[in-house]
Structure formats: structure tokens, C-alpha cells
C-alpha atoms as a PDB file:
ATOM      1  CA  MET A   1       0.000   0.000   0.000  1.00  0.00           C
ATOM      2  CA  LYS A   2       2.857   2.365   0.833  1.00  0.00           C
ATOM      3  CA  VAL A   3       4.460   1.548  -2.507  1.00  0.00           C
ATOM      4  CA  LEU A   4       1.270   2.370  -4.361  1.00  0.00           C
ATOM      5  CA  SER A   5       0.854   5.592  -2.398  1.00  0.00           C
ATOM      6  CA  PHE A   6       4.404   6.617  -3.172  1.00  0.00           C
ATOM      7  CA  ALA A   7       3.939   5.792  -6.862  1.00  0.00           C
ATOM      8  CA  PHE A   8       0.748   7.837  -7.009  1.00  0.00           C
ATOM      9  CA  LEU A   9       2.447  10.764  -5.293  1.00  0.00           C
ATOM     10  CA  PHE A  10       5.389  10.514  -7.668  1.00  0.00           C
ATOM     11  CA  ILE A  11       3.126  10.497 -10.731  1.00  0.00           C
ATOM     12  CA  PHE A  12       1.067  13.377  -9.360  1.00  0.00           C
ATOM     13  CA  THR A  13       4.248  15.385  -8.740  1.00  0.00           C
ATOM     14  CA  ILE A  14       5.477  14.758 -12.272  1.00  0.00           C
ATOM     15  CA  LEU A  15       2.137  15.762 -13.799  1.00  0.00           C
ATOM     16  CA  SER A  16       1.942  18.843 -11.617  1.00  0.00           C
ATOM     17  CA  SER A  17       5.409  19.933 -12.690  1.00  0.00           C
ATOM     18  CA  GLN A  18       4.319  19.688 -16.311  1.00  0.00           C
ATOM     19  CA  SER A  19       1.318  21.973 -15.880  1.00  0.00           C
ATOM     20  CA  PRO A  20       1.556  25.020 -18.173  1.00  0.00           C
ATOM     21  CA  VAL A  21       2.338  28.426 -16.747  1.00  0.00           C
ATOM     22  CA  VAL A  22      -0.150  31.003 -18.021  1.00  0.00           C
ATOM     23  CA  GLU A  23       0.720  34.688 -17.914  1.00  0.00           C
ATOM     24  CA  ASP A  24      -0.803  37.799 -19.469  1.00  0.00           C
ATOM     25  CA  LEU A  25       0.742  38.800 -22.783  1.00  0.00           C
ATOM     26  CA  LYS A  26       1.177  42.561 -22.833  1.00  0.00           C
ATOM     27  CA  ILE A  27       2.221  44.742 -25.738  1.00  0.00           C
ATOM     28  CA  GLY A  28       1.491  48.113 -24.199  1.00  0.00           C
ATOM     29  CA  GLU A  29      -0.662  50.202 -21.940  1.00  0.00           C
ATOM     30  CA  LYS A  30      -4.316  51.149 -21.887  1.00  0.00           C
ATOM     31  CA  VAL A  31      -4.839  54.683 -20.611  1.00  0.00           C
ATOM     32  CA  THR A  32      -8.173  56.368 -19.904  1.00  0.00           C
ATOM     33  CA  LEU A  33      -7.828  60.103 -20.409  1.00  0.00           C
ATOM     34  CA  ASN A  34     -10.526  62.372 -19.028  1.00  0.00           C
ATOM     35  CA  SER A  35     -11.079  65.011 -21.709  1.00  0.00           C
ATOM     36  CA  LYS A  36     -12.568  68.296 -20.585  1.00  0.00           C
ATOM     37  CA  ILE A  37     -12.738  69.501 -24.183  1.00  0.00           C
ATOM     38  CA  LEU A  38     -14.784  66.528 -25.372  1.00  0.00           C
ATOM     39  CA  ASN A  39     -16.534  66.144 -22.010  1.00  0.00           C
ATOM     40  CA  GLU A  40     -15.920  62.402 -21.967  1.00  0.00           C
ATOM     41  CA  LYS A  41     -13.349  59.742 -21.170  1.00  0.00           C
ATOM     42  CA  ARG A  42     -11.141  58.615 -24.054  1.00  0.00           C
ATOM     43  CA  ILE A  43      -9.203  55.377 -24.207  1.00  0.00           C
ATOM     44  CA  LEU A  44      -5.657  55.399 -25.541  1.00  0.00           C
ATOM     45  CA  ASN A  45      -3.894  52.204 -26.549  1.00  0.00           C
ATOM     46  CA  ILE A  46      -0.174  52.850 -26.213  1.00  0.00           C
ATOM     47  CA  TYR A  47       2.657  50.685 -27.504  1.00  0.00           C
ATOM     48  CA  LEU A  48       6.148  51.203 -26.141  1.00  0.00           C
ATOM     49  CA  PRO A  49       9.253  49.698 -27.756  1.00  0.00           C
ATOM     50  CA  GLN A  50      10.514  46.531 -26.085  1.00  0.00           C
ATOM     51  CA  THR A  51      13.750  48.342 -25.311  1.00  0.00           C
ATOM     52  CA  TYR A  52      12.008  51.521 -24.138  1.00  0.00           C
ATOM     53  CA  ASP A  53      14.607  53.642 -22.372  1.00  0.00           C
ATOM     54  CA  LYS A  54      13.597  56.696 -20.360  1.00  0.00           C
ATOM     55  CA  THR A  55      16.988  58.263 -21.052  1.00  0.00           C
ATOM     56  CA  LYS A  56      16.174  58.389 -24.778  1.00  0.00           C
ATOM     57  CA  THR A  57      13.469  60.080 -26.823  1.00  0.00           C
ATOM     58  CA  TYR A  58      11.215  58.486 -29.448  1.00  0.00           C
ATOM     59  CA  PRO A  59       9.074  59.564 -32.408  1.00  0.00           C
ATOM     60  CA  VAL A  60       5.346  58.985 -32.055  1.00  0.00           C
ATOM     61  CA  ILE A  61       2.725  57.529 -34.397  1.00  0.00           C
ATOM     62  CA  TYR A  62      -0.865  58.562 -33.694  1.00  0.00           C
ATOM     63  CA  ILE A  63      -3.454  56.184 -35.149  1.00  0.00           C
ATOM     64  CA  LEU A  64      -6.984  57.361 -35.785  1.00  0.00           C
ATOM     65  CA  ASP A  65      -9.394  54.405 -35.530  1.00  0.00           C
ATOM     66  CA  GLY A  66      -6.973  53.147 -32.906  1.00  0.00           C
ATOM     67  CA  SER A  67      -9.260  50.817 -30.960  1.00  0.00           C
ATOM     68  CA  MET A  68      -8.084  47.277 -30.212  1.00  0.00           C
ATOM     69  CA  ASN A  69     -10.662  45.892 -32.655  1.00  0.00           C
ATOM     70  CA  GLU A  70      -9.734  48.416 -35.345  1.00  0.00           C
ATOM     71  CA  ASP A  71      -6.253  49.387 -36.592  1.00  0.00           C
ATOM     72  CA  PHE A  72      -4.071  49.443 -33.483  1.00  0.00           C
ATOM     73  CA  LEU A  73      -2.818  45.859 -33.342  1.00  0.00           C
ATOM     74  CA  HIS A  74      -1.988  45.276 -36.989  1.00  0.00           C
ATOM     75  CA  LEU A  75      -0.273  48.648 -37.408  1.00  0.00           C
ATOM     76  CA  VAL A  76       1.801  48.060 -34.279  1.00  0.00           C
ATOM     77  CA  GLY A  77       2.843  44.743 -35.817  1.00  0.00           C
ATOM     78  CA  LEU A  78       3.694  46.459 -39.093  1.00  0.00           C
ATOM     79  CA  GLN A  79       5.895  49.030 -37.381  1.00  0.00           C
ATOM     80  CA  HIS A  80       7.619  46.273 -35.402  1.00  0.00           C
ATOM     81  CA  PHE A  81       8.306  44.376 -38.643  1.00  0.00           C
ATOM     82  CA  PHE A  82       9.828  47.479 -40.240  1.00  0.00           C
ATOM     83  CA  ASN A  83      11.916  48.022 -37.144  1.00  0.00           C
ATOM     84  CA  MET A  84      13.329  44.493 -37.436  1.00  0.00           C
ATOM     85  CA  GLN A  85      13.819  44.226 -41.194  1.00  0.00           C
ATOM     86  CA  PHE A  86      14.052  47.825 -42.415  1.00  0.00           C
ATOM     87  CA  LYS A  87      15.700  51.027 -41.246  1.00  0.00           C
ATOM     88  CA  MET A  88      12.769  52.162 -39.127  1.00  0.00           C
ATOM     89  CA  PRO A  89      13.627  53.337 -35.609  1.00  0.00           C
ATOM     90  CA  ASP A  90      11.708  52.499 -32.456  1.00  0.00           C
ATOM     91  CA  PHE A  91       8.416  54.371 -32.150  1.00  0.00           C
ATOM     92  CA  ILE A  92       5.874  55.039 -29.456  1.00  0.00           C
ATOM     93  CA  ILE A  93       2.454  54.287 -30.966  1.00  0.00           C
ATOM     94  CA  VAL A  94      -0.749  55.867 -29.700  1.00  0.00           C
ATOM     95  CA  GLY A  95      -4.039  54.364 -30.834  1.00  0.00           C
ATOM     96  CA  ILE A  96      -6.958  56.701 -30.228  1.00  0.00           C
ATOM     97  CA  ALA A  97      -9.961  54.479 -29.564  1.00  0.00           C
ATOM     98  CA  ASN A  98     -13.171  55.668 -31.145  1.00  0.00           C
ATOM     99  CA  VAL A  99     -16.299  56.844 -29.375  1.00  0.00           C
ATOM    100  CA  ASP A 100     -18.116  58.364 -32.364  1.00  0.00           C
ATOM    101  CA  ARG A 101     -15.907  58.739 -35.427  1.00  0.00           C
ATOM    102  CA  LYS A 102     -18.687  60.322 -37.493  1.00  0.00           C
ATOM    103  CA  ARG A 103     -18.887  63.082 -34.904  1.00  0.00           C
ATOM    104  CA  ASP A 104     -15.146  63.480 -34.368  1.00  0.00           C
ATOM    105  CA  PHE A 105     -13.812  63.176 -37.918  1.00  0.00           C
ATOM    106  CA  THR A 106     -16.250  65.431 -39.809  1.00  0.00           C
ATOM    107  CA  TYR A 107     -16.634  69.188 -39.888  1.00  0.00           C
ATOM    108  CA  HIS A 108     -19.954  71.020 -40.021  1.00  0.00           C
ATOM    109  CA  THR A 109     -22.175  70.647 -43.053  1.00  0.00           C
ATOM    110  CA  ASP A 110     -25.484  72.270 -43.969  1.00  0.00           C
ATOM    111  CA  LEU A 111     -26.364  69.486 -46.390  1.00  0.00           C
ATOM    112  CA  LYS A 112     -29.607  67.930 -45.194  1.00  0.00           C
ATOM    113  CA  ASP A 113     -28.894  64.449 -46.489  1.00  0.00           C
ATOM    114  CA  LEU A 114     -25.595  64.279 -44.582  1.00  0.00           C
ATOM    115  CA  GLN A 115     -27.224  65.657 -41.456  1.00  0.00           C
ATOM    116  CA  LYS A 116     -29.816  62.914 -41.741  1.00  0.00           C
ATOM    117  CA  ASP A 117     -27.337  60.095 -42.373  1.00  0.00           C
ATOM    118  CA  TYR A 118     -24.817  61.435 -39.836  1.00  0.00           C
ATOM    119  CA  PRO A 119     -26.962  62.918 -37.047  1.00  0.00           C
ATOM    120  CA  THR A 120     -24.031  63.503 -34.666  1.00  0.00           C
ATOM    121  CA  THR A 121     -21.801  65.017 -37.322  1.00  0.00           C
ATOM    122  CA  GLY A 122     -19.754  68.173 -37.405  1.00  0.00           C
ATOM    123  CA  HIS A 123     -17.449  68.311 -34.377  1.00  0.00           C
ATOM    124  CA  SER A 124     -13.981  67.732 -35.797  1.00  0.00           C
ATOM    125  CA  ASP A 125     -12.961  71.145 -34.450  1.00  0.00           C
ATOM    126  CA  LYS A 126     -13.419  69.848 -30.900  1.00  0.00           C
ATOM    127  CA  PHE A 127     -11.537  66.652 -31.643  1.00  0.00           C
ATOM    128  CA  ILE A 128      -8.619  68.566 -33.170  1.00  0.00           C
ATOM    129  CA  GLU A 129      -8.576  70.820 -30.099  1.00  0.00           C
ATOM    130  CA  PHE A 130      -8.474  67.673 -27.956  1.00  0.00           C
ATOM    131  CA  VAL A 131      -5.497  66.365 -29.946  1.00  0.00           C
ATOM    132  CA  GLU A 132      -3.639  69.664 -29.692  1.00  0.00           C
ATOM    133  CA  LYS A 133      -4.367  70.718 -26.112  1.00  0.00           C
ATOM    134  CA  GLU A 134      -4.906  67.459 -24.226  1.00  0.00           C
ATOM    135  CA  LEU A 135      -3.698  64.377 -26.085  1.00  0.00           C
ATOM    136  CA  GLN A 136      -0.296  65.482 -27.356  1.00  0.00           C
ATOM    137  CA  PRO A 137       0.606  67.333 -24.113  1.00  0.00           C
ATOM    138  CA  PHE A 138      -0.332  64.213 -22.127  1.00  0.00           C
ATOM    139  CA  ILE A 139       1.849  61.961 -24.295  1.00  0.00           C
ATOM    140  CA  ASN A 140       4.762  64.410 -24.220  1.00  0.00           C
ATOM    141  CA  LYS A 141       4.546  64.749 -20.438  1.00  0.00           C
ATOM    142  CA  ASN A 142       4.300  61.056 -19.620  1.00  0.00           C
ATOM    143  CA  TYR A 143       6.513  59.487 -22.282  1.00  0.00           C
ATOM    144  CA  LYS A 144       9.911  60.287 -23.754  1.00  0.00           C
ATOM    145  CA  THR A 145       9.049  61.837 -27.103  1.00  0.00           C
ATOM    146  CA  ASP A 146      10.903  63.808 -29.731  1.00  0.00           C
ATOM    147  CA  LYS A 147       9.478  66.253 -32.270  1.00  0.00           C
ATOM    148  CA  THR A 148       8.599  63.680 -34.943  1.00  0.00           C
ATOM    149  CA  LYS A 149       4.849  63.004 -34.978  1.00  0.00           C
ATOM    150  CA  TYR A 150       2.960  60.846 -37.477  1.00  0.00           C
ATOM    151  CA  ILE A 151      -0.790  60.676 -38.019  1.00  0.00           C
ATOM    152  CA  ILE A 152      -2.421  57.793 -39.868  1.00  0.00           C
ATOM    153  CA  GLY A 153      -6.045  58.105 -40.975  1.00  0.00           C
ATOM    154  CA  GLN A 154      -8.243  56.320 -43.504  1.00  0.00           C
ATOM    155  CA  SER A 155     -11.642  57.265 -44.955  1.00  0.00           C
ATOM    156  CA  LEU A 156     -13.236  59.732 -42.521  1.00  0.00           C
ATOM    157  CA  GLY A 157      -9.941  59.507 -40.647  1.00  0.00           C
ATOM    158  CA  GLY A 158      -8.235  60.571 -43.877  1.00  0.00           C
ATOM    159  CA  LEU A 159     -10.636  63.497 -44.093  1.00  0.00           C
ATOM    160  CA  LEU A 160      -9.674  64.539 -40.570  1.00  0.00           C
ATOM    161  CA  ALA A 161      -5.944  64.144 -41.282  1.00  0.00           C
ATOM    162  CA  THR A 162      -6.396  66.373 -44.346  1.00  0.00           C
ATOM    163  CA  GLU A 163      -8.288  68.966 -42.297  1.00  0.00           C
ATOM    164  CA  ILE A 164      -5.478  69.037 -39.732  1.00  0.00           C
ATOM    165  CA  LEU A 165      -2.846  69.291 -42.462  1.00  0.00           C
ATOM    166  CA  LEU A 166      -4.601  72.254 -44.062  1.00  0.00           C
ATOM    167  CA  ASN A 167      -5.642  74.098 -40.893  1.00  0.00           C
ATOM    168  CA  LYS A 168      -3.197  73.002 -38.174  1.00  0.00           C
ATOM    169  CA  PRO A 169      -0.205  71.597 -40.070  1.00  0.00           C
ATOM    170  CA  GLU A 170       2.210  72.050 -37.166  1.00  0.00           C
ATOM    171  CA  LEU A 171       0.457  69.325 -35.155  1.00  0.00           C
ATOM    172  CA  PHE A 172       2.255  66.589 -37.114  1.00  0.00           C
ATOM    173  CA  THR A 173       5.402  66.196 -39.179  1.00  0.00           C
ATOM    174  CA  HIS A 174       4.229  63.163 -41.203  1.00  0.00           C
ATOM    175  CA  TYR A 175       0.752  62.693 -42.657  1.00  0.00           C
ATOM    176  CA  PHE A 176      -0.513  59.339 -43.937  1.00  0.00           C
ATOM    177  CA  ILE A 177      -3.762  60.206 -45.707  1.00  0.00           C
ATOM    178  CA  ILE A 178      -5.405  57.056 -47.007  1.00  0.00           C
ATOM    179  CA  SER A 179      -8.625  56.965 -49.037  1.00  0.00           C
ATOM    180  CA  PRO A 180      -9.728  60.329 -47.640  1.00  0.00           C
ATOM    181  CA  SER A 181     -13.476  61.025 -47.675  1.00  0.00           C
ATOM    182  CA  LEU A 182     -13.045  64.377 -49.391  1.00  0.00           C
ATOM    183  CA  TRP A 183     -16.529  64.039 -50.867  1.00  0.00           C
ATOM    184  CA  TRP A 184     -17.797  65.280 -47.516  1.00  0.00           C
ATOM    185  CA  ASP A 185     -19.866  68.485 -47.704  1.00  0.00           C
ATOM    186  CA  ASP A 186     -19.697  68.605 -51.517  1.00  0.00           C
ATOM    187  CA  GLU A 187     -15.877  68.557 -51.431  1.00  0.00           C
ATOM    188  CA  SER A 188     -15.734  71.891 -49.605  1.00  0.00           C
ATOM    189  CA  LEU A 189     -12.390  71.136 -47.913  1.00  0.00           C
ATOM    190  CA  LEU A 190     -10.842  70.044 -51.199  1.00  0.00           C
ATOM    191  CA  ASN A 191     -12.113  73.215 -52.852  1.00  0.00           C
ATOM    192  CA  LYS A 192     -10.361  75.328 -50.209  1.00  0.00           C
ATOM    193  CA  ALA A 193      -7.179  73.249 -50.127  1.00  0.00           C
ATOM    194  CA  ASN A 194      -5.172  75.387 -52.531  1.00  0.00           C
ATOM    195  CA  SER A 195      -5.769  78.663 -50.693  1.00  0.00           C
ATOM    196  CA  LEU A 196      -5.219  77.078 -47.271  1.00  0.00           C
ATOM    197  CA  LEU A 197      -1.971  75.489 -48.359  1.00  0.00           C
ATOM    198  CA  TYR A 198      -0.788  78.704 -50.031  1.00  0.00           C
ATOM    199  CA  ALA A 199      -1.148  80.574 -46.736  1.00  0.00           C
ATOM    200  CA  GLN A 200       1.090  78.117 -44.852  1.00  0.00           C
ATOM    201  CA  LYS A 201       4.768  78.497 -44.058  1.00  0.00           C
ATOM    202  CA  ASP A 202       7.058  76.292 -46.122  1.00  0.00           C
ATOM    203  CA  ASP A 203       7.971  74.030 -43.212  1.00  0.00           C
ATOM    204  CA  GLU A 204       9.492  70.603 -43.694  1.00  0.00           C
ATOM    205  CA  ARG A 205       6.722  68.008 -43.808  1.00  0.00           C
ATOM    206  CA  PHE A 206       6.065  64.551 -45.294  1.00  0.00           C
ATOM    207  CA  VAL A 207       2.677  63.839 -46.885  1.00  0.00           C
ATOM    208  CA  TYR A 208       1.695  60.436 -48.222  1.00  0.00           C
ATOM    209  CA  VAL A 209      -1.626  60.164 -50.077  1.00  0.00           C
ATOM    210  CA  SER A 210      -2.957  56.829 -51.287  1.00  0.00           C
ATOM    211  CA  VAL A 211      -6.181  55.435 -52.691  1.00  0.00           C
ATOM    212  CA  GLY A 212      -7.331  52.138 -54.170  1.00  0.00           C
ATOM    213  CA  LYS A 213      -8.051  52.020 -57.877  1.00  0.00           C
ATOM    214  CA  ASN A 214     -11.088  49.848 -57.136  1.00  0.00           C
ATOM    215  CA  GLU A 215     -12.662  52.369 -54.768  1.00  0.00           C
ATOM    216  CA  HIS A 216     -15.552  54.649 -55.717  1.00  0.00           C
ATOM    217  CA  LYS A 217     -14.556  56.848 -58.647  1.00  0.00           C
ATOM    218  CA  THR A 218     -15.179  59.999 -56.600  1.00  0.00           C
ATOM    219  CA  MET A 219     -12.775  58.771 -53.925  1.00  0.00           C
ATOM    220  CA  VAL A 220     -10.096  58.143 -56.550  1.00  0.00           C
ATOM    221  CA  LYS A 221     -10.670  61.494 -58.268  1.00  0.00           C
ATOM    222  CA  ASP A 222     -10.573  63.459 -55.025  1.00  0.00           C
ATOM    223  CA  ALA A 223      -7.392  61.788 -53.770  1.00  0.00           C
ATOM    224  CA  ASP A 224      -5.673  62.589 -57.049  1.00  0.00           C
ATOM    225  CA  SER A 225      -6.949  66.179 -56.915  1.00  0.00           C
ATOM    226  CA  LEU A 226      -5.559  66.580 -53.389  1.00  0.00           C
ATOM    227  CA  TYR A 227      -2.201  65.265 -54.545  1.00  0.00           C
ATOM    228  CA  GLN A 228      -2.194  67.729 -57.443  1.00  0.00           C
ATOM    229  CA  VAL A 229      -2.831  70.611 -55.021  1.00  0.00           C
ATOM    230  CA  PHE A 230       0.182  69.573 -52.949  1.00  0.00           C
ATOM    231  CA  LYS A 231       2.308  68.917 -56.028  1.00  0.00           C
ATOM    232  CA  ASN A 232       1.640  72.356 -57.485  1.00  0.00           C
ATOM    233  CA  SER A 233       1.875  74.253 -54.214  1.00  0.00           C
ATOM    234  CA  GLY A 234       5.454  75.385 -54.713  1.00  0.00           C
ATOM    235  CA  LYS A 235       6.356  74.249 -51.199  1.00  0.00           C
ATOM    236  CA  LYS A 236      10.000  73.218 -51.513  1.00  0.00           C
ATOM    237  CA  ASN A 237      10.148  71.554 -48.103  1.00  0.00           C
ATOM    238  CA  LEU A 238       7.059  69.440 -48.704  1.00  0.00           C
ATOM    239  CA  LYS A 239       8.049  65.831 -49.349  1.00  0.00           C
ATOM    240  CA  LEU A 240       5.162  64.272 -51.212  1.00  0.00           C
ATOM    241  CA  GLU A 241       4.275  60.705 -52.194  1.00  0.00           C
ATOM    242  CA  TYR A 242       1.179  59.545 -54.058  1.00  0.00           C
ATOM    243  CA  ASN A 243       0.190  55.905 -54.385  1.00  0.00           C
ATOM    244  CA  LEU A 244      -2.669  54.684 -56.568  1.00  0.00           C
ATOM    245  CA  MET A 245      -2.945  51.078 -55.435  1.00  0.00           C
ATOM    246  CA  THR A 246      -4.126  49.138 -58.453  1.00  0.00           C
ATOM    247  CA  ASP A 247      -5.403  46.002 -56.698  1.00  0.00           C
ATOM    248  CA  ASP A 248      -7.141  47.504 -53.684  1.00  0.00           C
ATOM    249  CA  ASN A 249     -10.555  48.754 -52.637  1.00  0.00           C
ATOM    250  CA  HIS A 250     -11.751  50.690 -49.610  1.00  0.00           C
ATOM    251  CA  ALA A 251     -11.772  47.588 -47.406  1.00  0.00           C
ATOM    252  CA  THR A 252      -8.360  46.185 -48.312  1.00  0.00           C
ATOM    253  CA  ILE A 253      -6.143  49.212 -48.706  1.00  0.00           C
ATOM    254  CA  LEU A 254      -5.058  50.325 -45.240  1.00  0.00           C
ATOM    255  CA  HIS A 255      -2.464  47.758 -44.190  1.00  0.00           C
ATOM    256  CA  LYS A 256      -0.755  47.484 -47.574  1.00  0.00           C
ATOM    257  CA  SER A 257      -0.861  51.240 -48.028  1.00  0.00           C
ATOM    258  CA  VAL A 258       0.864  51.935 -44.729  1.00  0.00           C
ATOM    259  CA  TYR A 259       3.413  49.233 -45.596  1.00  0.00           C
ATOM    260  CA  GLU A 260       4.241  50.980 -48.858  1.00  0.00           C
ATOM    261  CA  GLY A 261       4.297  54.363 -47.144  1.00  0.00           C
ATOM    262  CA  PHE A 262       6.802  53.115 -44.587  1.00  0.00           C
ATOM    263  CA  LEU A 263       8.833  51.666 -47.450  1.00  0.00           C
ATOM    264  CA  LYS A 264       9.197  55.159 -48.932  1.00  0.00           C
ATOM    265  CA  LEU A 265      10.811  56.334 -45.708  1.00  0.00           C
ATOM    266  CA  PHE A 266      12.710  53.329 -44.423  1.00  0.00           C
ATOM    267  CA  PRO A 267      14.647  51.199 -46.905  1.00  0.00           C
ATOM    268  CA  TYR A 268      15.562  47.566 -46.378  1.00  0.00           C
ATOM    269  CA  LYS A 269      18.546  46.811 -44.169  1.00  0.00           C
ATOM    270  CA  GLU A 270      21.258  45.409 -46.433  1.00  0.00           C
END
């Protein structure tokens, strides 16, 4: 009986020692920021480099549509891949989780059909104020950042990125404008783009505009028109890239577009 008991204990010990160890897998931090400007709490998904060093400073990528179930995870993975295989430095990445993107990413319109389809629309001015006066100061205060700031936005997010570029260009140094919804409000922002850009200082800035050839023809036309405005602006310090992606539509473009945009900036490590 003692032999059997010992054998059972031995087997139990062996099996217990082989039990898997389960730990949380963390790639960053989730921060809830109380915005007085927006009068609501906003969630930020923040990725820090694995070798994050508080004695150094890092460039920052801000992702619109930055919720965990939107673009945050796969764009973090893309940046990590470019950091490993290409000449892309470590970045801090800030995903701005959405509450109401139709409200936050669109400016006011008097068009009745848009007001009907987008009943909360028209408050991008507040969201841009939030980015300028609350979000960026919070990131700069709590993390080691340098002056390089990217924004990545698609569709309505691309519309917002364009609005910031034309009205508050100093907020970012690099603009990834993908499939921008410039049709909004009968293309009123696009129609003002030339005069708004003309009034700006010729500061150094990188602008990447892309659109899928298989998207709605208005989307393709407007993206090309925006590129032409930038191209003919006479801004010598404006570094401009345009990418008409021949195999993509509105649903497939984002990841491959950002990949190709990064490729313009960070060549392969030989």
C-alpha cells in the first residue's frame, strides 16, 4: 500500500510539474484620459518599444481608428516588422480608440442628407482641439518623445488628417492620408485646399496620399486632386508621395498602403 501511495504521489508530482504556466501577454498600456474639451473619457492604446529607455526620446505615431478591434494591433505589428527588417527606428504608438468617429472626424455641413445620415456630425474642431491641447501634451509629459509626430487616418480619418494638415499643419510632421473622404460636404475642404496650403509656411513636412483604384470613382478622383494641389503648391520643403494602389478597394487598402508608405521612408537593411 505504501508503494502504491508513493507511486501515485510521484506520478502526481510529475504531472503537476508539467502543468503550463499562463501569464498575461502585454504589448502596451491602456490609458483612460478624461477630456474636458470633449466632455468624456477617451481610451488610448499605447505601444512602447521593447527596449524603451527613459533616457532616450522616441518619435510617435498617432493612429486614428486606434481601438483594439480596429487598426491598433496590426499597425503596431507592421511598425515592429519594419523596425526588425528595415531602417525604421523604435516608435511610441498611440491608438486613439473611437467613441463616435462620425462626430469626431467630420466638420460642419449644412447638407440635409448628410445631417440625416450622420446625425451627430460636425465636431472635428473639438476633436482637433483635444489632440492639440490634451492628447499630445499628455503623451509628451508622460513618455519620452521627440518632435517627430505621425498621423495615420483612412476614410473619414483621412478626411480629418487632411483637415489638420490644411488648418493646423504644425500638429504633425508626417501625414498618412489614405482613401480620404473628401466628398464630404460637396468637397468643400478640397475646394479650399489650394488657398489654405498657399497661406502656410514652407515648413518641412512629409505627406503620403494613397487610394485604391477599385474604390468609388469619386474617392479616386478626389485623392488625385488633393495630390495635385500639394504637387503644385510650390512648397519646396514638402516631401510628397502619391500611391494609386491598383489592386485595392476601400476595405483592403489600409495595411498594404501603410506598408508601402513606410517603405518610402525606411529602406531595407542590407
